[in-house]
Amino acid sequence: MTFDASENVHLINERLLMMAEKTADTFYSTEKTYSNATGIKDRELSLFEDAQHIETYWKPDYVKQESEKLIQ
């Protein structure tokens, strides 16, 4: 059994905000999911530069960027 988050993302019809580090090993998955989100009019892919995944949870610069995106 496998799980592919991008498989049914076209069914989402709410606002979508995805955040990712553009050089991450898993970025291909984020990019695929975002491109498959065809049913969403208000969608955004926000990219970090030079961030390690865990740093996006606690480093002030990344947290500020994330917080600002969430309250827009």
PDB file of N, CA and C in Angstrom:
ATOM      1  N   MET A   1       0.849  -1.177   0.000  1.00  0.00           N
ATOM      2  CA  MET A   1       0.000   0.000   0.000  1.00  0.00           C
ATOM      3  C   MET A   1       0.894   1.238   0.000  1.00  0.00           C
ATOM      4  N   THR A   2       0.568   2.178  -0.855  1.00  0.00           N
ATOM      5  CA  THR A   2       1.332   3.422  -0.912  1.00  0.00           C
ATOM      6  C   THR A   2       0.395   4.608  -0.775  1.00  0.00           C
ATOM      7  N   PHE A   3       0.967   5.736  -0.413  1.00  0.00           N
ATOM      8  CA  PHE A   3       0.196   6.971  -0.277  1.00  0.00           C
ATOM      9  C   PHE A   3       0.851   8.040  -1.127  1.00  0.00           C
ATOM     10  N   ASP A   4       0.066   8.699  -1.937  1.00  0.00           N
ATOM     11  CA  ASP A   4       0.550   9.789  -2.774  1.00  0.00           C
ATOM     12  C   ASP A   4      -0.349  10.993  -2.515  1.00  0.00           C
ATOM     13  N   ALA A   5       0.179  11.978  -1.804  1.00  0.00           N
ATOM     14  CA  ALA A   5      -0.612  13.156  -1.421  1.00  0.00           C
ATOM     15  C   ALA A   5      -1.137  13.918  -2.621  1.00  0.00           C
ATOM     16  N   SER A   6      -0.477  13.791  -3.743  1.00  0.00           N
ATOM     17  CA  SER A   6      -0.893  14.560  -4.916  1.00  0.00           C
ATOM     18  C   SER A   6      -2.033  13.905  -5.688  1.00  0.00           C
ATOM     19  N   GLU A   7      -2.338  12.674  -5.357  1.00  0.00           N
ATOM     20  CA  GLU A   7      -3.298  11.903  -6.146  1.00  0.00           C
ATOM     21  C   GLU A   7      -4.697  12.519  -6.218  1.00  0.00           C
ATOM     22  N   ASN A   8      -5.217  12.977  -5.094  1.00  0.00           N
ATOM     23  CA  ASN A   8      -6.577  13.523  -5.072  1.00  0.00           C
ATOM     24  C   ASN A   8      -6.621  15.003  -4.714  1.00  0.00           C
ATOM     25  N   VAL A   9      -5.510  15.669  -4.810  1.00  0.00           N
ATOM     26  CA  VAL A   9      -5.462  17.081  -4.437  1.00  0.00           C
ATOM     27  C   VAL A   9      -6.351  17.934  -5.335  1.00  0.00           C
ATOM     28  N   HIS A  10      -6.661  17.459  -6.507  1.00  0.00           N
ATOM     29  CA  HIS A  10      -7.560  18.208  -7.403  1.00  0.00           C
ATOM     30  C   HIS A  10      -8.965  18.350  -6.815  1.00  0.00           C
ATOM     31  N   LEU A  11      -9.286  17.558  -5.794  1.00  0.00           N
ATOM     32  CA  LEU A  11     -10.597  17.630  -5.152  1.00  0.00           C
ATOM     33  C   LEU A  11     -10.694  18.764  -4.129  1.00  0.00           C
ATOM     34  N   ILE A  12      -9.574  19.298  -3.715  1.00  0.00           N
ATOM     35  CA  ILE A  12      -9.573  20.403  -2.751  1.00  0.00           C
ATOM     36  C   ILE A  12     -10.099  21.649  -3.450  1.00  0.00           C
ATOM     37  N   ASN A  13     -11.000  22.357  -2.780  1.00  0.00           N
ATOM     38  CA  ASN A  13     -11.520  23.588  -3.366  1.00  0.00           C
ATOM     39  C   ASN A  13     -11.386  24.778  -2.415  1.00  0.00           C
ATOM     40  N   GLU A  14     -10.550  24.649  -1.424  1.00  0.00           N
ATOM     41  CA  GLU A  14     -10.261  25.724  -0.484  1.00  0.00           C
ATOM     42  C   GLU A  14      -8.901  26.324  -0.808  1.00  0.00           C
ATOM     43  N   ARG A  15      -8.613  27.444  -0.209  1.00  0.00           N
ATOM     44  CA  ARG A  15      -7.316  28.096  -0.388  1.00  0.00           C
ATOM     45  C   ARG A  15      -6.194  27.120  -0.017  1.00  0.00           C
ATOM     46  N   LEU A  16      -5.128  27.146  -0.794  1.00  0.00           N
ATOM     47  CA  LEU A  16      -4.001  26.251  -0.553  1.00  0.00           C
ATOM     48  C   LEU A  16      -2.709  27.051  -0.489  1.00  0.00           C
ATOM     49  N   LEU A  17      -1.982  26.878   0.598  1.00  0.00           N
ATOM     50  CA  LEU A  17      -0.659  27.473   0.749  1.00  0.00           C
ATOM     51  C   LEU A  17       0.308  26.340   1.035  1.00  0.00           C
ATOM     52  N   MET A  18       1.264  26.145   0.141  1.00  0.00           N
ATOM     53  CA  MET A  18       2.301  25.139   0.338  1.00  0.00           C
ATOM     54  C   MET A  18       3.623  25.867   0.503  1.00  0.00           C
ATOM     55  N   MET A  19       4.444  25.394   1.426  1.00  0.00           N
ATOM     56  CA  MET A  19       5.746  25.993   1.681  1.00  0.00           C
ATOM     57  C   MET A  19       6.803  24.914   1.553  1.00  0.00           C
ATOM     58  N   ALA A  20       7.897  25.258   0.876  1.00  0.00           N
ATOM     59  CA  ALA A  20       8.943  24.263   0.657  1.00  0.00           C
ATOM     60  C   ALA A  20      10.287  24.936   0.427  1.00  0.00           C
ATOM     61  N   GLU A  21      11.337  24.182   0.631  1.00  0.00           N
ATOM     62  CA  GLU A  21      12.695  24.628   0.318  1.00  0.00           C
ATOM     63  C   GLU A  21      13.001  24.118  -1.077  1.00  0.00           C
ATOM     64  N   LYS A  22      13.353  25.013  -1.968  1.00  0.00           N
ATOM     65  CA  LYS A  22      13.430  24.638  -3.384  1.00  0.00           C
ATOM     66  C   LYS A  22      14.547  23.673  -3.744  1.00  0.00           C
ATOM     67  N   THR A  23      15.523  23.475  -2.865  1.00  0.00           N
ATOM     68  CA  THR A  23      16.572  22.498  -3.155  1.00  0.00           C
ATOM     69  C   THR A  23      16.422  21.224  -2.317  1.00  0.00           C
ATOM     70  N   ALA A  24      15.297  21.091  -1.623  1.00  0.00           N
ATOM     71  CA  ALA A  24      15.066  19.905  -0.788  1.00  0.00           C
ATOM     72  C   ALA A  24      14.960  18.652  -1.654  1.00  0.00           C
ATOM     73  N   ASP A  25      15.398  17.543  -1.108  1.00  0.00           N
ATOM     74  CA  ASP A  25      15.311  16.265  -1.823  1.00  0.00           C
ATOM     75  C   ASP A  25      13.869  15.898  -2.160  1.00  0.00           C
ATOM     76  N   THR A  26      12.941  16.375  -1.366  1.00  0.00           N
ATOM     77  CA  THR A  26      11.532  16.030  -1.556  1.00  0.00           C
ATOM     78  C   THR A  26      10.748  17.102  -2.315  1.00  0.00           C
ATOM     79  N   PHE A  27      11.425  18.102  -2.853  1.00  0.00           N
ATOM     80  CA  PHE A  27      10.722  19.192  -3.540  1.00  0.00           C
ATOM     81  C   PHE A  27       9.897  18.695  -4.724  1.00  0.00           C
ATOM     82  N   TYR A  28      10.362  17.659  -5.380  1.00  0.00           N
ATOM     83  CA  TYR A  28       9.611  17.116  -6.520  1.00  0.00           C
ATOM     84  C   TYR A  28       8.188  16.750  -6.108  1.00  0.00           C
ATOM     85  N   SER A  29       8.017  16.245  -4.892  1.00  0.00           N
ATOM     86  CA  SER A  29       6.699  15.854  -4.404  1.00  0.00           C
ATOM     87  C   SER A  29       5.817  17.082  -4.175  1.00  0.00           C
ATOM     88  N   THR A  30       6.393  18.117  -3.601  1.00  0.00           N
ATOM     89  CA  THR A  30       5.658  19.366  -3.386  1.00  0.00           C
ATOM     90  C   THR A  30       5.236  19.966  -4.717  1.00  0.00           C
ATOM     91  N   GLU A  31       6.156  19.988  -5.653  1.00  0.00           N
ATOM     92  CA  GLU A  31       5.886  20.561  -6.970  1.00  0.00           C
ATOM     93  C   GLU A  31       4.783  19.775  -7.701  1.00  0.00           C
ATOM     94  N   LYS A  32       4.834  18.455  -7.584  1.00  0.00           N
ATOM     95  CA  LYS A  32       3.818  17.605  -8.218  1.00  0.00           C
ATOM     96  C   LYS A  32       2.448  17.849  -7.591  1.00  0.00           C
ATOM     97  N   THR A  33       2.406  17.900  -6.273  1.00  0.00           N
ATOM     98  CA  THR A  33       1.149  18.136  -5.579  1.00  0.00           C
ATOM     99  C   THR A  33       0.575  19.494  -5.951  1.00  0.00           C
ATOM    100  N   TYR A  34       1.417  20.519  -5.965  1.00  0.00           N
ATOM    101  CA  TYR A  34       0.965  21.870  -6.322  1.00  0.00           C
ATOM    102  C   TYR A  34       0.420  21.908  -7.749  1.00  0.00           C
ATOM    103  N   SER A  35       1.107  21.289  -8.664  1.00  0.00           N
ATOM    104  CA  SER A  35       0.654  21.320 -10.059  1.00  0.00           C
ATOM    105  C   SER A  35      -0.631  20.517 -10.266  1.00  0.00           C
ATOM    106  N   ASN A  36      -0.885  19.535  -9.413  1.00  0.00           N
ATOM    107  CA  ASN A  36      -2.114  18.747  -9.518  1.00  0.00           C
ATOM    108  C   ASN A  36      -3.310  19.407  -8.831  1.00  0.00           C
ATOM    109  N   ALA A  37      -3.073  20.486  -8.119  1.00  0.00           N
ATOM    110  CA  ALA A  37      -4.146  21.184  -7.398  1.00  0.00           C
ATOM    111  C   ALA A  37      -4.913  22.091  -8.355  1.00  0.00           C
ATOM    112  N   THR A  38      -5.504  21.497  -9.353  1.00  0.00           N
ATOM    113  CA  THR A  38      -6.144  22.258 -10.428  1.00  0.00           C
ATOM    114  C   THR A  38      -7.517  22.805 -10.060  1.00  0.00           C
ATOM    115  N   GLY A  39      -8.128  22.318  -9.006  1.00  0.00           N
ATOM    116  CA  GLY A  39      -9.448  22.797  -8.607  1.00  0.00           C
ATOM    117  C   GLY A  39      -9.407  23.988  -7.674  1.00  0.00           C
ATOM    118  N   ILE A  40      -8.218  24.502  -7.418  1.00  0.00           N
ATOM    119  CA  ILE A  40      -8.047  25.578  -6.447  1.00  0.00           C
ATOM    120  C   ILE A  40      -7.721  26.875  -7.171  1.00  0.00           C
ATOM    121  N   LYS A  41      -8.581  27.874  -7.002  1.00  0.00           N
ATOM    122  CA  LYS A  41      -8.331  29.166  -7.639  1.00  0.00           C
ATOM    123  C   LYS A  41      -7.289  29.965  -6.872  1.00  0.00           C
ATOM    124  N   ASP A  42      -7.344  29.901  -5.541  1.00  0.00           N
ATOM    125  CA  ASP A  42      -6.442  30.674  -4.691  1.00  0.00           C
ATOM    126  C   ASP A  42      -5.389  29.728  -4.116  1.00  0.00           C
ATOM    127  N   ARG A  43      -4.286  29.606  -4.818  1.00  0.00           N
ATOM    128  CA  ARG A  43      -3.217  28.709  -4.363  1.00  0.00           C
ATOM    129  C   ARG A  43      -1.876  29.411  -4.495  1.00  0.00           C
ATOM    130  N   GLU A  44      -0.953  29.012  -3.640  1.00  0.00           N
ATOM    131  CA  GLU A  44       0.378  29.618  -3.664  1.00  0.00           C
ATOM    132  C   GLU A  44       1.412  28.596  -3.212  1.00  0.00           C
ATOM    133  N   LEU A  45       2.549  28.644  -3.861  1.00  0.00           N
ATOM    134  CA  LEU A  45       3.702  27.846  -3.460  1.00  0.00           C
ATOM    135  C   LEU A  45       4.774  28.824  -3.019  1.00  0.00           C
ATOM    136  N   SER A  46       5.033  28.858  -1.723  1.00  0.00           N
ATOM    137  CA  SER A  46       6.018  29.767  -1.146  1.00  0.00           C
ATOM    138  C   SER A  46       7.326  29.001  -0.945  1.00  0.00           C
ATOM    139  N   LEU A  47       8.406  29.558  -1.460  1.00  0.00           N
ATOM    140  CA  LEU A  47       9.689  28.853  -1.423  1.00  0.00           C
ATOM    141  C   LEU A  47      10.672  29.511  -0.467  1.00  0.00           C
ATOM    142  N   PHE A  48      11.358  28.675   0.290  1.00  0.00           N
ATOM    143  CA  PHE A  48      12.442  29.125   1.155  1.00  0.00           C
ATOM    144  C   PHE A  48      13.756  28.925   0.417  1.00  0.00           C
ATOM    145  N   GLU A  49      14.742  29.706   0.785  1.00  0.00           N
ATOM    146  CA  GLU A  49      16.079  29.511   0.230  1.00  0.00           C
ATOM    147  C   GLU A  49      17.030  29.138   1.359  1.00  0.00           C
ATOM    148  N   ASP A  50      17.828  28.127   1.126  1.00  0.00           N
ATOM    149  CA  ASP A  50      18.879  27.704   2.057  1.00  0.00           C
ATOM    150  C   ASP A  50      18.358  27.303   3.432  1.00  0.00           C
ATOM    151  N   ALA A  51      17.172  26.742   3.500  1.00  0.00           N
ATOM    152  CA  ALA A  51      16.606  26.315   4.784  1.00  0.00           C
ATOM    153  C   ALA A  51      16.657  24.799   4.893  1.00  0.00           C
ATOM    154  N   GLN A  52      17.015  24.320   6.050  1.00  0.00           N
ATOM    155  CA  GLN A  52      16.856  22.911   6.364  1.00  0.00           C
ATOM    156  C   GLN A  52      15.437  22.749   6.901  1.00  0.00           C
ATOM    157  N   HIS A  53      14.826  21.619   6.648  1.00  0.00           N
ATOM    158  CA  HIS A  53      13.424  21.416   7.019  1.00  0.00           C
ATOM    159  C   HIS A  53      13.141  21.826   8.463  1.00  0.00           C
ATOM    160  N   ILE A  54      13.910  21.311   9.396  1.00  0.00           N
ATOM    161  CA  ILE A  54      13.638  21.563  10.811  1.00  0.00           C
ATOM    162  C   ILE A  54      13.803  23.040  11.165  1.00  0.00           C
ATOM    163  N   GLU A  55      14.648  23.753  10.430  1.00  0.00           N
ATOM    164  CA  GLU A  55      14.855  25.184  10.699  1.00  0.00           C
ATOM    165  C   GLU A  55      13.602  26.007  10.432  1.00  0.00           C
ATOM    166  N   THR A  56      12.754  25.539   9.559  1.00  0.00           N
ATOM    167  CA  THR A  56      11.539  26.298   9.248  1.00  0.00           C
ATOM    168  C   THR A  56      10.568  26.322  10.419  1.00  0.00           C
ATOM    169  N   TYR A  57      10.820  25.514  11.442  1.00  0.00           N
ATOM    170  CA  TYR A  57       9.963  25.486  12.626  1.00  0.00           C
ATOM    171  C   TYR A  57      10.430  26.441  13.717  1.00  0.00           C
ATOM    172  N   TRP A  58      11.707  26.815  13.720  1.00  0.00           N
ATOM    173  CA  TRP A  58      12.181  27.605  14.849  1.00  0.00           C
ATOM    174  C   TRP A  58      13.042  28.818  14.502  1.00  0.00           C
ATOM    175  N   LYS A  59      13.634  28.889  13.338  1.00  0.00           N
ATOM    176  CA  LYS A  59      14.476  30.047  13.006  1.00  0.00           C
ATOM    177  C   LYS A  59      13.587  31.262  12.746  1.00  0.00           C
ATOM    178  N   PRO A  60      13.854  32.371  13.449  1.00  0.00           N
ATOM    179  CA  PRO A  60      12.986  33.550  13.357  1.00  0.00           C
ATOM    180  C   PRO A  60      12.699  34.029  11.932  1.00  0.00           C
ATOM    181  N   ASP A  61      13.679  34.047  11.059  1.00  0.00           N
ATOM    182  CA  ASP A  61      13.443  34.525   9.692  1.00  0.00           C
ATOM    183  C   ASP A  61      12.422  33.661   8.957  1.00  0.00           C
ATOM    184  N   TYR A  62      12.521  32.356   9.127  1.00  0.00           N
ATOM    185  CA  TYR A  62      11.593  31.448   8.455  1.00  0.00           C
ATOM    186  C   TYR A  62      10.209  31.493   9.095  1.00  0.00           C
ATOM    187  N   VAL A  63      10.179  31.530  10.423  1.00  0.00           N
ATOM    188  CA  VAL A  63       8.900  31.594  11.133  1.00  0.00           C
ATOM    189  C   VAL A  63       8.163  32.886  10.774  1.00  0.00           C
ATOM    190  N   LYS A  64       8.896  33.978  10.661  1.00  0.00           N
ATOM    191  CA  LYS A  64       8.281  35.255  10.282  1.00  0.00           C
ATOM    192  C   LYS A  64       7.687  35.154   8.876  1.00  0.00           C
ATOM    193  N   GLN A  65       8.444  34.601   7.955  1.00  0.00           N
ATOM    194  CA  GLN A  65       7.965  34.448   6.579  1.00  0.00           C
ATOM    195  C   GLN A  65       6.701  33.585   6.542  1.00  0.00           C
ATOM    196  N   GLU A  66       6.712  32.486   7.278  1.00  0.00           N
ATOM    197  CA  GLU A  66       5.550  31.591   7.318  1.00  0.00           C
ATOM    198  C   GLU A  66       4.340  32.283   7.937  1.00  0.00           C
ATOM    199  N   SER A  67       4.569  32.964   9.045  1.00  0.00           N
ATOM    200  CA  SER A  67       3.479  33.646   9.748  1.00  0.00           C
ATOM    201  C   SER A  67       2.834  34.708   8.875  1.00  0.00           C
ATOM    202  N   GLU A  68       3.647  35.468   8.177  1.00  0.00           N
ATOM    203  CA  GLU A  68       3.111  36.509   7.297  1.00  0.00           C
ATOM    204  C   GLU A  68       2.259  35.907   6.183  1.00  0.00           C
ATOM    205  N   LYS A  69       2.683  34.782   5.657  1.00  0.00           N
ATOM    206  CA  LYS A  69       1.910  34.113   4.607  1.00  0.00           C
ATOM    207  C   LYS A  69       0.566  33.612   5.144  1.00  0.00           C
ATOM    208  N   LEU A  70       0.578  33.106   6.363  1.00  0.00           N
ATOM    209  CA  LEU A  70      -0.638  32.530   6.938  1.00  0.00           C
ATOM    210  C   LEU A  70      -1.707  33.572   7.251  1.00  0.00           C
ATOM    211  N   ILE A  71      -1.292  34.801   7.557  1.00  0.00           N
ATOM    212  CA  ILE A  71      -2.283  35.819   7.921  1.00  0.00           C
ATOM    213  C   ILE A  71      -2.690  36.709   6.751  1.00  0.00           C
ATOM    214  N   GLN A  72      -2.167  36.472   5.577  1.00  0.00           N
ATOM    215  CA  GLN A  72      -2.546  37.271   4.407  1.00  0.00           C
ATOM    216  C   GLN A  72      -3.978  36.997   4.018  1.00  0.00           C
TER     217      GLN A  72
END
